[in-house]
Amino acid sequence: MSHLIEEYAKNLGVKTAKPIVIPHFFPLKYDKFIVLDLQNETPSKDYHHYRTFISLISPALKQKGIKLMYVGVDEYIMGVDEHMDSSFKNLAYIISKSLLYIGVDNQLAQYASSIGIKTLILFGNSYANITKPYWGNTICLEPTWKGRPCYADRDPYQNIDRILPEVV
């Protein structure tokens, strides 16, 4: 199957083009940081092993002077330097200044990739080759499928959690 954006373009009779977003300035405390966005309103994209993943990468990030900023919710997570919850345009600014964006398949991942930010995306309810970012430098991680993805908001097998934190 073609990429979803190609299917939309073909059916609507339009050409594909990069999204245009005008980021809004947001004051940042750090120069070198990674944006982590693994919470999602779609339960099938909610990765439950992010705390383990954070504990695995925190020592290496600390050694290199790289901070970890968690966006999307305002809760304390051990190993994260900053928690951000802001508008899309503010998050667009934050992402544009980051070294790397790590998240699930959502609009922020699409945006990060479209502006050339290195992007790592986790997939759980769809094949990566169908909905991965259309532009940019992206690494896509998906589970070894036992069957086909569910494509639904709720995955009865929670396939995204089959992606091991060590692999991320």
N, C-alpha and C. Protein backbone atom coordinates (compact mmCIF):
# COMPACT_ATOMS: atom_id res chain seq x y z
N MET A 1 0.84 -1.18 0.00
CA MET A 1 0.00 0.00 0.00
C MET A 1 0.89 1.25 0.00
N SER A 2 0.42 2.26 -0.67
CA SER A 2 1.15 3.54 -0.72
C SER A 2 1.09 4.23 0.62
N HIS A 3 1.94 5.22 0.76
CA HIS A 3 1.93 6.06 1.95
C HIS A 3 0.59 6.78 2.01
N LEU A 4 0.10 7.01 3.21
CA LEU A 4 -1.19 7.63 3.42
C LEU A 4 -1.29 9.00 2.75
N ILE A 5 -0.23 9.79 2.81
CA ILE A 5 -0.25 11.12 2.19
C ILE A 5 -0.40 11.02 0.67
N GLU A 6 0.19 10.00 0.08
CA GLU A 6 0.05 9.81 -1.37
C GLU A 6 -1.38 9.42 -1.73
N GLU A 7 -2.00 8.60 -0.89
CA GLU A 7 -3.39 8.21 -1.13
C GLU A 7 -4.32 9.41 -1.02
N TYR A 8 -4.11 10.25 0.01
CA TYR A 8 -4.92 11.46 0.15
C TYR A 8 -4.74 12.36 -1.06
N ALA A 9 -3.49 12.59 -1.46
CA ALA A 9 -3.21 13.47 -2.60
C ALA A 9 -3.87 12.95 -3.88
N LYS A 10 -3.76 11.65 -4.10
CA LYS A 10 -4.34 11.06 -5.30
C LYS A 10 -5.86 11.21 -5.29
N ASN A 11 -6.49 10.92 -4.17
CA ASN A 11 -7.95 10.98 -4.09
C ASN A 11 -8.50 12.41 -4.09
N LEU A 12 -7.71 13.36 -3.60
CA LEU A 12 -8.17 14.75 -3.57
C LEU A 12 -7.72 15.53 -4.80
N GLY A 13 -6.85 14.93 -5.61
CA GLY A 13 -6.38 15.60 -6.81
C GLY A 13 -5.44 16.76 -6.52
N VAL A 14 -4.62 16.61 -5.49
CA VAL A 14 -3.67 17.67 -5.12
C VAL A 14 -2.26 17.09 -5.11
N LYS A 15 -1.26 17.98 -5.02
CA LYS A 15 0.13 17.55 -4.91
C LYS A 15 0.54 17.55 -3.45
N THR A 16 1.49 16.68 -3.12
CA THR A 16 2.00 16.65 -1.75
C THR A 16 2.96 17.82 -1.56
N ALA A 17 2.94 18.39 -0.37
CA ALA A 17 3.85 19.49 -0.04
C ALA A 17 4.12 19.45 1.46
N LYS A 18 5.30 19.95 1.83
CA LYS A 18 5.65 19.98 3.25
C LYS A 18 4.68 20.89 4.00
N PRO A 19 4.39 20.53 5.24
CA PRO A 19 3.51 21.40 6.04
C PRO A 19 4.20 22.73 6.35
N ILE A 20 3.40 23.76 6.47
CA ILE A 20 3.93 25.06 6.84
C ILE A 20 3.41 25.39 8.23
N VAL A 21 4.32 25.50 9.17
CA VAL A 21 3.99 25.84 10.55
C VAL A 21 4.88 27.00 10.95
N ILE A 22 4.29 28.01 11.52
CA ILE A 22 5.08 29.14 12.01
C ILE A 22 5.20 28.96 13.52
N PRO A 23 6.38 28.50 13.98
CA PRO A 23 6.56 28.25 15.41
C PRO A 23 6.52 29.56 16.21
N HIS A 24 6.04 29.47 17.41
CA HIS A 24 6.03 30.61 18.33
C HIS A 24 7.16 30.44 19.33
N PHE A 25 7.92 31.51 19.52
CA PHE A 25 9.06 31.48 20.44
C PHE A 25 8.63 30.96 21.81
N PHE A 26 9.50 30.17 22.40
CA PHE A 26 9.29 29.66 23.75
C PHE A 26 10.65 29.67 24.43
N PRO A 27 10.76 30.29 25.60
CA PRO A 27 12.08 30.36 26.27
C PRO A 27 12.56 28.97 26.68
N LEU A 28 13.79 28.68 26.33
CA LEU A 28 14.38 27.37 26.63
C LEU A 28 15.52 27.52 27.61
N LYS A 29 15.64 26.57 28.52
CA LYS A 29 16.71 26.58 29.52
C LYS A 29 17.99 25.94 29.01
N TYR A 30 17.87 25.11 27.98
CA TYR A 30 19.01 24.30 27.56
C TYR A 30 19.34 24.52 26.09
N ASP A 31 20.61 24.32 25.75
CA ASP A 31 21.04 24.42 24.36
C ASP A 31 21.03 23.05 23.68
N LYS A 32 21.44 22.02 24.42
CA LYS A 32 21.49 20.66 23.87
C LYS A 32 20.45 19.81 24.58
N PHE A 33 19.41 19.41 23.81
CA PHE A 33 18.36 18.60 24.42
C PHE A 33 17.67 17.72 23.39
N ILE A 34 17.03 16.69 23.91
CA ILE A 34 16.22 15.76 23.12
C ILE A 34 14.78 15.93 23.59
N VAL A 35 13.85 15.93 22.65
CA VAL A 35 12.42 15.99 22.98
C VAL A 35 11.86 14.58 22.97
N LEU A 36 11.19 14.24 24.06
CA LEU A 36 10.56 12.93 24.21
C LEU A 36 9.06 13.12 24.34
N ASP A 37 8.30 12.48 23.47
CA ASP A 37 6.84 12.59 23.47
C ASP A 37 6.25 11.21 23.25
N LEU A 38 6.11 10.45 24.33
CA LEU A 38 5.60 9.08 24.20
C LEU A 38 4.22 8.89 24.80
N GLN A 39 3.62 9.93 25.31
CA GLN A 39 2.24 9.85 25.77
C GLN A 39 1.34 10.19 24.59
N ASN A 40 0.20 9.60 24.54
CA ASN A 40 -0.70 9.86 23.43
C ASN A 40 -2.13 9.69 23.88
N GLU A 41 -3.02 10.42 23.27
CA GLU A 41 -4.45 10.30 23.58
C GLU A 41 -5.05 9.03 22.98
N THR A 42 -4.33 8.43 22.05
CA THR A 42 -4.79 7.19 21.44
C THR A 42 -4.19 6.03 22.21
N PRO A 43 -5.00 5.25 22.92
CA PRO A 43 -4.45 4.17 23.76
C PRO A 43 -3.54 3.19 23.03
N SER A 44 -3.80 2.92 21.75
CA SER A 44 -2.96 1.96 21.03
C SER A 44 -1.58 2.52 20.72
N LYS A 45 -1.36 3.84 20.94
CA LYS A 45 -0.06 4.45 20.73
C LYS A 45 0.61 4.83 22.05
N ASP A 46 0.06 4.39 23.16
CA ASP A 46 0.60 4.72 24.48
C ASP A 46 1.66 3.69 24.85
N TYR A 47 2.93 4.12 24.78
CA TYR A 47 4.06 3.22 25.06
C TYR A 47 4.29 3.17 26.56
N HIS A 48 4.17 2.00 27.15
CA HIS A 48 4.25 1.85 28.60
C HIS A 48 5.67 1.60 29.14
N HIS A 49 6.66 1.46 28.27
CA HIS A 49 8.02 1.17 28.72
C HIS A 49 8.93 2.40 28.68
N TYR A 50 8.35 3.60 28.56
CA TYR A 50 9.21 4.78 28.43
C TYR A 50 10.03 5.05 29.68
N ARG A 51 9.54 4.71 30.84
CA ARG A 51 10.33 4.94 32.07
C ARG A 51 11.59 4.07 32.07
N THR A 52 11.47 2.83 31.61
CA THR A 52 12.63 1.96 31.51
C THR A 52 13.61 2.50 30.46
N PHE A 53 13.07 2.93 29.34
CA PHE A 53 13.89 3.52 28.28
C PHE A 53 14.66 4.74 28.81
N ILE A 54 13.99 5.60 29.55
CA ILE A 54 14.63 6.80 30.10
C ILE A 54 15.75 6.41 31.06
N SER A 55 15.49 5.41 31.90
CA SER A 55 16.54 4.99 32.84
C SER A 55 17.76 4.43 32.11
N LEU A 56 17.55 3.86 30.93
CA LEU A 56 18.67 3.31 30.16
C LEU A 56 19.51 4.40 29.49
N ILE A 57 18.87 5.47 29.02
CA ILE A 57 19.63 6.49 28.27
C ILE A 57 20.11 7.65 29.14
N SER A 58 19.52 7.84 30.30
CA SER A 58 19.87 9.00 31.13
C SER A 58 21.36 9.12 31.45
N PRO A 59 22.05 8.04 31.86
CA PRO A 59 23.48 8.19 32.17
C PRO A 59 24.30 8.68 30.97
N ALA A 60 24.03 8.16 29.78
CA ALA A 60 24.78 8.57 28.59
C ALA A 60 24.49 10.02 28.23
N LEU A 61 23.24 10.44 28.37
CA LEU A 61 22.88 11.83 28.08
C LEU A 61 23.55 12.78 29.06
N LYS A 62 23.53 12.40 30.33
CA LYS A 62 24.16 13.23 31.36
C LYS A 62 25.65 13.40 31.08
N GLN A 63 26.30 12.32 30.70
CA GLN A 63 27.73 12.34 30.41
C GLN A 63 28.06 13.29 29.24
N LYS A 64 27.14 13.38 28.27
CA LYS A 64 27.37 14.23 27.09
C LYS A 64 26.78 15.63 27.24
N GLY A 65 26.17 15.91 28.40
CA GLY A 65 25.60 17.23 28.64
C GLY A 65 24.32 17.49 27.84
N ILE A 66 23.61 16.43 27.51
CA ILE A 66 22.37 16.56 26.75
C ILE A 66 21.20 16.38 27.71
N LYS A 67 20.28 17.31 27.67
CA LYS A 67 19.10 17.27 28.54
C LYS A 67 17.97 16.53 27.83
N LEU A 68 17.05 16.03 28.63
CA LEU A 68 15.88 15.32 28.11
C LEU A 68 14.63 16.10 28.50
N MET A 69 13.89 16.55 27.49
CA MET A 69 12.65 17.30 27.73
C MET A 69 11.47 16.43 27.32
N TYR A 70 10.54 16.29 28.24
CA TYR A 70 9.36 15.47 28.02
C TYR A 70 8.18 16.39 27.73
N VAL A 71 7.52 16.23 26.59
CA VAL A 71 6.40 17.09 26.24
C VAL A 71 5.09 16.32 26.27
N GLY A 72 4.02 17.06 26.44
CA GLY A 72 2.70 16.45 26.36
C GLY A 72 1.97 16.33 27.68
N VAL A 73 2.67 16.15 28.75
CA VAL A 73 2.04 16.05 30.06
C VAL A 73 2.90 16.78 31.08
N ASP A 74 2.30 17.11 32.19
CA ASP A 74 3.03 17.80 33.24
C ASP A 74 3.09 16.89 34.46
N GLU A 75 3.98 15.93 34.41
CA GLU A 75 4.17 15.02 35.53
C GLU A 75 5.66 14.77 35.70
N TYR A 76 6.07 14.49 36.90
CA TYR A 76 7.48 14.23 37.15
C TYR A 76 7.82 12.81 36.72
N ILE A 77 8.90 12.69 35.96
CA ILE A 77 9.41 11.38 35.56
C ILE A 77 10.90 11.39 35.86
N MET A 78 11.34 10.44 36.65
CA MET A 78 12.76 10.37 37.00
C MET A 78 13.62 10.24 35.75
N GLY A 79 14.66 11.05 35.68
CA GLY A 79 15.57 11.02 34.54
C GLY A 79 15.29 12.08 33.49
N VAL A 80 14.15 12.76 33.62
CA VAL A 80 13.79 13.82 32.68
C VAL A 80 14.15 15.16 33.30
N ASP A 81 14.74 16.05 32.52
CA ASP A 81 15.20 17.34 33.03
C ASP A 81 14.11 18.40 33.03
N GLU A 82 13.16 18.29 32.12
CA GLU A 82 12.12 19.31 32.00
C GLU A 82 10.85 18.68 31.45
N HIS A 83 9.72 19.09 31.99
CA HIS A 83 8.41 18.65 31.50
C HIS A 83 7.73 19.85 30.87
N MET A 84 7.27 19.70 29.65
CA MET A 84 6.66 20.81 28.93
C MET A 84 5.25 20.42 28.49
N ASP A 85 4.33 21.34 28.66
CA ASP A 85 2.99 21.18 28.13
C ASP A 85 2.60 22.53 27.58
N SER A 86 2.49 22.65 26.29
CA SER A 86 2.27 23.94 25.66
C SER A 86 1.46 23.77 24.38
N SER A 87 1.25 24.87 23.68
CA SER A 87 0.49 24.83 22.43
C SER A 87 1.33 24.16 21.34
N PHE A 88 0.67 23.78 20.26
CA PHE A 88 1.37 23.14 19.15
C PHE A 88 2.46 24.05 18.60
N LYS A 89 2.17 25.34 18.45
CA LYS A 89 3.16 26.25 17.88
C LYS A 89 4.36 26.45 18.81
N ASN A 90 4.14 26.44 20.13
CA ASN A 90 5.27 26.50 21.06
C ASN A 90 6.07 25.21 21.00
N LEU A 91 5.38 24.08 20.94
CA LEU A 91 6.08 22.79 20.84
C LEU A 91 6.85 22.71 19.52
N ALA A 92 6.32 23.31 18.47
CA ALA A 92 7.02 23.35 17.19
C ALA A 92 8.34 24.09 17.35
N TYR A 93 8.34 25.18 18.10
CA TYR A 93 9.58 25.93 18.34
C TYR A 93 10.56 25.08 19.15
N ILE A 94 10.07 24.45 20.20
CA ILE A 94 10.93 23.60 21.05
C ILE A 94 11.55 22.49 20.22
N ILE A 95 10.75 21.81 19.42
CA ILE A 95 11.24 20.72 18.58
C ILE A 95 12.27 21.23 17.58
N SER A 96 12.03 22.41 17.02
CA SER A 96 12.95 22.96 16.01
C SER A 96 14.34 23.24 16.58
N LYS A 97 14.46 23.37 17.89
CA LYS A 97 15.74 23.64 18.53
C LYS A 97 16.39 22.37 19.11
N SER A 98 15.72 21.23 18.98
CA SER A 98 16.21 20.00 19.60
C SER A 98 17.21 19.25 18.72
N LEU A 99 17.96 18.36 19.35
CA LEU A 99 18.90 17.50 18.63
C LEU A 99 18.19 16.29 18.03
N LEU A 100 17.12 15.86 18.69
CA LEU A 100 16.41 14.63 18.31
C LEU A 100 15.01 14.68 18.87
N TYR A 101 14.06 14.13 18.12
CA TYR A 101 12.69 13.99 18.58
C TYR A 101 12.40 12.50 18.67
N ILE A 102 11.92 12.05 19.83
CA ILE A 102 11.52 10.65 20.02
C ILE A 102 10.05 10.65 20.40
N GLY A 103 9.25 9.91 19.66
CA GLY A 103 7.82 9.89 19.96
C GLY A 103 7.09 8.79 19.22
N VAL A 104 5.79 8.84 19.36
CA VAL A 104 4.92 7.92 18.65
C VAL A 104 4.46 8.59 17.36
N ASP A 105 3.78 7.84 16.53
CA ASP A 105 3.29 8.34 15.25
C ASP A 105 2.18 9.37 15.50
N ASN A 106 2.55 10.66 15.46
CA ASN A 106 1.55 11.71 15.66
C ASN A 106 1.99 12.96 14.90
N GLN A 107 1.25 14.05 15.08
CA GLN A 107 1.53 15.28 14.34
C GLN A 107 2.88 15.89 14.69
N LEU A 108 3.32 15.78 15.93
CA LEU A 108 4.62 16.33 16.30
C LEU A 108 5.76 15.56 15.62
N ALA A 109 5.61 14.26 15.50
CA ALA A 109 6.62 13.46 14.80
C ALA A 109 6.68 13.84 13.32
N GLN A 110 5.51 14.04 12.72
CA GLN A 110 5.47 14.45 11.32
C GLN A 110 6.15 15.80 11.15
N TYR A 111 5.86 16.72 12.06
CA TYR A 111 6.45 18.06 11.98
C TYR A 111 7.97 18.01 12.15
N ALA A 112 8.43 17.29 13.18
CA ALA A 112 9.87 17.21 13.45
C ALA A 112 10.61 16.71 12.21
N SER A 113 10.11 15.68 11.61
CA SER A 113 10.76 15.12 10.44
C SER A 113 10.72 16.10 9.27
N SER A 114 9.61 16.81 9.11
CA SER A 114 9.48 17.73 7.96
C SER A 114 10.45 18.89 8.01
N ILE A 115 10.93 19.26 9.21
CA ILE A 115 11.88 20.37 9.31
C ILE A 115 13.33 19.89 9.45
N GLY A 116 13.54 18.59 9.28
CA GLY A 116 14.89 18.05 9.26
C GLY A 116 15.47 17.66 10.61
N ILE A 117 14.65 17.62 11.65
CA ILE A 117 15.11 17.15 12.96
C ILE A 117 15.19 15.63 12.91
N LYS A 118 16.28 15.06 13.40
CA LYS A 118 16.36 13.60 13.47
C LYS A 118 15.20 13.12 14.31
N THR A 119 14.54 12.07 13.84
CA THR A 119 13.29 11.62 14.45
C THR A 119 13.28 10.12 14.62
N LEU A 120 12.88 9.66 15.81
CA LEU A 120 12.71 8.24 16.09
C LEU A 120 11.24 8.05 16.49
N ILE A 121 10.53 7.21 15.75
CA ILE A 121 9.10 7.06 15.97
C ILE A 121 8.76 5.60 16.25
N LEU A 122 7.88 5.41 17.24
CA LEU A 122 7.39 4.09 17.59
C LEU A 122 5.98 3.91 17.02
N PHE A 123 5.75 2.76 16.40
CA PHE A 123 4.45 2.44 15.81
C PHE A 123 3.84 1.25 16.53
N GLY A 124 2.54 1.28 16.71
CA GLY A 124 1.89 0.18 17.39
C GLY A 124 0.59 -0.27 16.77
N ASN A 125 -0.11 0.64 16.08
CA ASN A 125 -1.40 0.25 15.52
C ASN A 125 -1.44 0.37 14.00
N SER A 126 -0.29 0.61 13.37
CA SER A 126 -0.23 0.66 11.91
C SER A 126 1.18 0.34 11.45
N TYR A 127 1.29 -0.05 10.18
CA TYR A 127 2.60 -0.29 9.60
C TYR A 127 3.31 1.05 9.43
N ALA A 128 4.60 1.08 9.72
CA ALA A 128 5.38 2.31 9.61
C ALA A 128 5.39 2.84 8.17
N ASN A 129 5.49 1.96 7.18
CA ASN A 129 5.63 2.44 5.80
C ASN A 129 4.37 3.13 5.27
N ILE A 130 3.27 3.05 6.00
CA ILE A 130 2.04 3.69 5.56
C ILE A 130 1.88 5.08 6.15
N THR A 131 2.26 5.27 7.42
CA THR A 131 2.01 6.55 8.09
C THR A 131 3.28 7.24 8.59
N LYS A 132 4.46 6.70 8.31
CA LYS A 132 5.69 7.35 8.77
C LYS A 132 5.80 8.74 8.16
N PRO A 133 6.62 9.61 8.74
CA PRO A 133 6.80 10.93 8.15
C PRO A 133 7.25 10.81 6.70
N TYR A 134 6.69 11.64 5.89
CA TYR A 134 6.93 11.61 4.45
C TYR A 134 8.26 12.26 4.08
N TRP A 135 8.73 13.18 4.92
CA TRP A 135 9.97 13.91 4.66
C TRP A 135 10.92 13.70 5.83
N GLY A 136 12.21 13.84 5.57
CA GLY A 136 13.16 13.92 6.66
C GLY A 136 13.90 12.66 7.02
N ASN A 137 14.70 12.81 8.06
CA ASN A 137 15.59 11.78 8.58
C ASN A 137 14.89 11.05 9.72
N THR A 138 14.28 9.92 9.43
CA THR A 138 13.44 9.24 10.42
C THR A 138 13.83 7.78 10.59
N ILE A 139 13.87 7.35 11.85
CA ILE A 139 14.02 5.93 12.17
C ILE A 139 12.67 5.48 12.71
N CYS A 140 12.14 4.44 12.14
CA CYS A 140 10.83 3.92 12.55
C CYS A 140 10.99 2.57 13.23
N LEU A 141 10.40 2.44 14.40
CA LEU A 141 10.42 1.17 15.12
C LEU A 141 9.00 0.64 15.22
N GLU A 142 8.84 -0.60 14.84
CA GLU A 142 7.54 -1.24 14.99
C GLU A 142 7.75 -2.64 15.53
N PRO A 143 6.74 -3.20 16.17
CA PRO A 143 6.92 -4.54 16.72
C PRO A 143 6.99 -5.58 15.61
N THR A 144 7.46 -6.76 15.96
CA THR A 144 7.35 -7.87 15.03
C THR A 144 5.88 -8.29 15.08
N TRP A 145 5.20 -8.08 13.99
CA TRP A 145 3.75 -8.30 13.98
C TRP A 145 3.43 -9.79 14.01
N LYS A 146 2.50 -10.17 14.87
CA LYS A 146 2.01 -11.56 14.90
C LYS A 146 0.94 -11.76 13.83
N GLY A 147 0.36 -10.68 13.44
CA GLY A 147 -0.66 -10.67 12.38
C GLY A 147 -0.60 -9.30 11.74
N ARG A 148 -1.75 -8.73 11.51
CA ARG A 148 -1.81 -7.38 10.96
C ARG A 148 -2.07 -6.39 12.09
N PRO A 149 -1.63 -5.14 11.93
CA PRO A 149 -1.93 -4.13 12.94
C PRO A 149 -3.44 -3.91 13.03
N CYS A 150 -3.90 -3.41 14.15
CA CYS A 150 -5.33 -3.26 14.34
C CYS A 150 -5.89 -1.99 13.70
N TYR A 151 -5.06 -0.96 13.49
CA TYR A 151 -5.47 0.33 12.94
C TYR A 151 -6.55 1.02 13.78
N ALA A 152 -6.77 0.57 14.97
CA ALA A 152 -7.83 1.14 15.82
C ALA A 152 -7.23 1.96 16.95
N ASP A 153 -8.08 2.75 17.59
CA ASP A 153 -7.64 3.54 18.74
C ASP A 153 -7.23 2.66 19.90
N ARG A 154 -7.86 1.52 20.03
CA ARG A 154 -7.53 0.58 21.11
C ARG A 154 -7.05 -0.73 20.50
N ASP A 155 -5.83 -1.09 20.82
CA ASP A 155 -5.24 -2.32 20.31
C ASP A 155 -5.39 -3.39 21.39
N PRO A 156 -6.14 -4.44 21.13
CA PRO A 156 -6.33 -5.47 22.16
C PRO A 156 -5.03 -6.16 22.57
N TYR A 157 -4.00 -6.10 21.74
CA TYR A 157 -2.72 -6.74 22.05
C TYR A 157 -1.66 -5.73 22.48
N GLN A 158 -1.98 -4.45 22.46
CA GLN A 158 -1.06 -3.36 22.82
C GLN A 158 0.32 -3.62 22.19
N ASN A 159 0.33 -3.78 20.86
CA ASN A 159 1.54 -4.12 20.11
C ASN A 159 2.70 -3.17 20.32
N ILE A 160 2.43 -1.90 20.55
CA ILE A 160 3.52 -0.93 20.73
C ILE A 160 4.42 -1.33 21.90
N ASP A 161 3.85 -1.97 22.92
CA ASP A 161 4.63 -2.38 24.08
C ASP A 161 5.54 -3.57 23.79
N ARG A 162 5.42 -4.16 22.62
CA ARG A 162 6.31 -5.25 22.23
C ARG A 162 7.63 -4.72 21.67
N ILE A 163 7.74 -3.39 21.53
CA ILE A 163 9.01 -2.77 21.15
C ILE A 163 9.82 -2.64 22.44
N LEU A 164 10.93 -3.33 22.52
CA LEU A 164 11.72 -3.36 23.75
C LEU A 164 12.41 -2.02 24.01
N PRO A 165 12.46 -1.58 25.26
CA PRO A 165 13.14 -0.32 25.60
C PRO A 165 14.61 -0.33 25.18
N GLU A 166 15.24 -1.49 25.20
CA GLU A 166 16.64 -1.60 24.80
C GLU A 166 16.82 -1.31 23.32
N VAL A 167 15.81 -1.61 22.52
CA VAL A 167 15.86 -1.36 21.08
C VAL A 167 15.69 0.14 20.82
N VAL A 168 14.81 0.77 21.57
CA VAL A 168 14.60 2.21 21.41
C VAL A 168 15.89 2.93 21.75
